[in-house]
Amino acid sequence: MTGAERREQITAEITARTGITEEMIERLVRGFYAKVRADEMLGPIFDAQIKDWEPHLAQMCAFWSSVALMSGRYHGAPMPKHLPLPVDAAHFDHWLALFEATTKEICPPEAQAHFMERARRIAASLELGVAGANGVLLGVGERFRRQEMGAAS
């Protein structure tokens, strides 16, 4: 079996188990970013970075396809793009809350759980990276909070 065939098999198994499809991913991404753009906390941060939303949405669809379905569609490095952003634990928690609300609106329970498990890992990884980029080494269970002068709590 080739690598491409194995990837297709894995994607088919995930789809069968969770119900996740590329169409669901697109609905999720578009619904989530509609919430983000309207959000008082996250909207300004995204608006400062993204001028043309369609390419970003397409990239996020490829990202979530790779994350959720193991499709291999995404080819990028999200960490460097997030490191300079003025975000901390509160932003990641809010991002997760909006994402979870969107998954509950769009996805059946198995798909919702699959997306949220991955979203929580991504948020934790990005928070760890942002903290490190700001000179803060987080210990287990610590969160990065800018209002505390970069101290972890």
Protein backbone atom coordinates (compact mmCIF):
# COMPACT_ATOMS: atom_id res chain seq x y z
CA MET A 1 0.00 0.00 0.00
CA THR A 2 1.38 3.42 -0.95
CA GLY A 3 1.48 6.35 1.43
CA ALA A 4 -1.33 8.05 -0.47
CA GLU A 5 -3.46 4.93 -0.30
CA ARG A 6 -2.83 4.61 3.42
CA ARG A 7 -3.76 8.27 3.95
CA GLU A 8 -7.01 7.73 2.00
CA GLN A 9 -7.76 4.68 4.13
CA ILE A 10 -7.18 6.62 7.37
CA THR A 11 -9.36 9.49 6.15
CA ALA A 12 -12.14 7.06 5.20
CA GLU A 13 -11.94 5.40 8.63
CA ILE A 14 -12.17 8.75 10.43
CA THR A 15 -15.10 9.81 8.24
CA ALA A 16 -16.90 6.53 8.93
CA ARG A 17 -16.33 6.83 12.69
CA THR A 18 -17.07 10.56 13.12
CA GLY A 19 -19.13 11.65 10.13
CA ILE A 20 -16.63 14.40 9.36
CA THR A 21 -16.47 15.37 5.69
CA GLU A 22 -14.75 18.15 3.79
CA GLU A 23 -18.15 19.84 3.47
CA MET A 24 -18.62 19.76 7.25
CA ILE A 25 -15.14 21.21 7.71
CA GLU A 26 -15.96 24.08 5.38
CA ARG A 27 -19.22 24.83 7.21
CA LEU A 28 -17.37 24.68 10.54
CA VAL A 29 -14.53 26.95 9.42
CA ARG A 30 -16.84 29.52 7.85
CA GLY A 31 -19.23 29.48 10.81
CA PHE A 32 -16.42 29.76 13.33
CA TYR A 33 -14.65 32.63 11.59
CA ALA A 34 -17.94 34.50 11.18
CA LYS A 35 -18.17 34.38 14.99
CA VAL A 36 -14.52 35.39 15.38
CA ARG A 37 -14.87 38.38 13.06
CA ALA A 38 -17.90 39.64 15.02
CA ASP A 39 -16.27 39.00 18.40
CA GLU A 40 -15.16 41.98 20.51
CA MET A 41 -12.07 40.23 21.88
CA LEU A 42 -10.82 38.24 18.88
CA GLY A 43 -12.19 40.22 15.94
CA PRO A 44 -9.71 43.13 16.16
CA ILE A 45 -6.73 40.76 16.44
CA PHE A 46 -7.76 38.85 13.33
CA ASP A 47 -8.73 42.00 11.42
CA ALA A 48 -5.27 43.46 12.05
CA GLN A 49 -3.65 40.40 10.47
CA ILE A 50 -6.03 39.27 7.72
CA LYS A 51 -6.93 41.59 4.87
CA ASP A 52 -8.28 39.03 2.39
CA TRP A 53 -10.43 36.47 4.17
CA GLU A 54 -11.09 33.99 1.35
CA PRO A 55 -7.49 32.73 1.11
CA HIS A 56 -7.35 32.49 4.90
CA LEU A 57 -10.59 30.50 5.03
CA ALA A 58 -9.33 28.16 2.31
CA GLN A 59 -6.09 27.67 4.26
CA MET A 60 -8.06 26.99 7.46
CA CYS A 61 -10.20 24.43 5.63
CA ALA A 62 -7.02 22.68 4.48
CA PHE A 63 -5.60 22.91 8.01
CA TRP A 64 -8.67 21.37 9.65
CA SER A 65 -8.88 18.73 6.92
CA SER A 66 -5.32 17.73 7.78
CA VAL A 67 -5.95 17.86 11.52
CA ALA A 68 -9.35 16.16 11.59
CA LEU A 69 -9.15 13.81 8.61
CA MET A 70 -5.38 13.32 8.28
CA SER A 71 -5.81 14.38 4.65
CA GLY A 72 -2.42 16.03 4.28
CA ARG A 73 -3.96 19.05 2.54
CA TYR A 74 -2.31 21.66 4.75
CA HIS A 75 1.30 22.59 4.16
CA GLY A 76 2.30 25.37 6.47
CA ALA A 77 3.70 26.38 9.81
CA PRO A 78 1.05 27.96 12.05
CA MET A 79 3.27 28.55 15.08
CA PRO A 80 5.43 31.39 13.66
CA LYS A 81 2.30 33.27 12.58
CA HIS A 82 0.87 33.16 16.09
CA LEU A 83 3.99 34.00 18.12
CA PRO A 84 3.87 37.81 17.66
CA LEU A 85 0.13 38.11 18.34
CA PRO A 86 -0.99 39.99 21.49
CA VAL A 87 -2.78 36.97 22.94
CA ASP A 88 -2.73 34.98 26.15
CA ALA A 89 -4.71 32.32 28.03
CA ALA A 90 -7.92 34.37 28.00
CA HIS A 91 -7.79 34.63 24.19
CA PHE A 92 -7.17 30.90 23.76
CA ASP A 93 -10.01 30.07 26.17
CA HIS A 94 -12.35 32.39 24.28
CA TRP A 95 -11.23 30.95 20.94
CA LEU A 96 -12.00 27.47 22.25
CA ALA A 97 -15.42 28.55 23.54
CA LEU A 98 -16.37 30.00 20.14
CA PHE A 99 -15.02 26.94 18.36
CA GLU A 100 -16.91 24.60 20.67
CA ALA A 101 -20.15 26.53 20.19
CA THR A 102 -19.69 26.26 16.43
CA THR A 103 -18.95 22.53 16.56
CA LYS A 104 -22.11 22.00 18.62
CA GLU A 105 -24.17 23.87 16.01
CA ILE A 106 -22.72 22.02 13.02
CA CYS A 107 -21.42 18.62 14.04
CA PRO A 108 -22.89 15.39 15.36
CA PRO A 109 -21.50 14.39 18.79
CA GLU A 110 -18.72 12.13 17.49
CA ALA A 111 -17.44 14.81 15.13
CA GLN A 112 -17.78 17.51 17.77
CA ALA A 113 -15.68 15.48 20.23
CA HIS A 114 -13.07 14.74 17.53
CA PHE A 115 -12.71 18.43 16.61
CA MET A 116 -12.63 19.62 20.22
CA GLU A 117 -9.94 17.16 21.30
CA ARG A 118 -7.72 18.48 18.55
CA ALA A 119 -8.66 22.12 19.10
CA ARG A 120 -7.72 21.89 22.78
CA ARG A 121 -4.32 20.44 21.88
CA ILE A 122 -3.74 23.13 19.26
CA ALA A 123 -4.71 25.92 21.66
CA ALA A 124 -2.43 24.52 24.38
CA SER A 125 0.47 24.22 21.95
CA LEU A 126 0.01 27.73 20.59
CA GLU A 127 -0.30 29.17 24.10
CA LEU A 128 2.92 27.42 25.10
CA GLY A 129 4.65 28.82 22.01
CA VAL A 130 3.37 32.36 22.56
CA ALA A 131 4.46 32.22 26.20
CA GLY A 132 7.92 31.03 25.19
CA ALA A 133 8.21 33.76 22.58
CA ASN A 134 7.52 36.22 25.42
CA GLY A 135 10.21 34.75 27.64
CA VAL A 136 7.87 32.71 29.84
CA LEU A 137 8.45 29.02 30.39
CA LEU A 138 5.16 27.48 31.48
CA GLY A 139 5.11 24.59 33.89
CA VAL A 140 2.50 21.84 33.86
CA GLY A 141 -0.92 23.39 34.41
CA GLU A 142 0.35 26.99 34.18
CA ARG A 143 -1.24 29.51 31.85
CA PHE A 144 0.22 32.54 30.08
CA ARG A 145 -1.35 35.81 31.25
CA ARG A 146 -0.08 39.10 29.83
CA GLN A 147 -1.82 41.25 32.45
CA GLU A 148 0.52 39.76 35.03
CA MET A 149 3.57 41.15 33.23
CA GLY A 150 4.18 37.89 31.40
CA ALA A 151 4.14 35.81 34.58
CA ALA A 152 2.64 32.37 34.41
CA SER A 153 -0.10 31.53 36.88
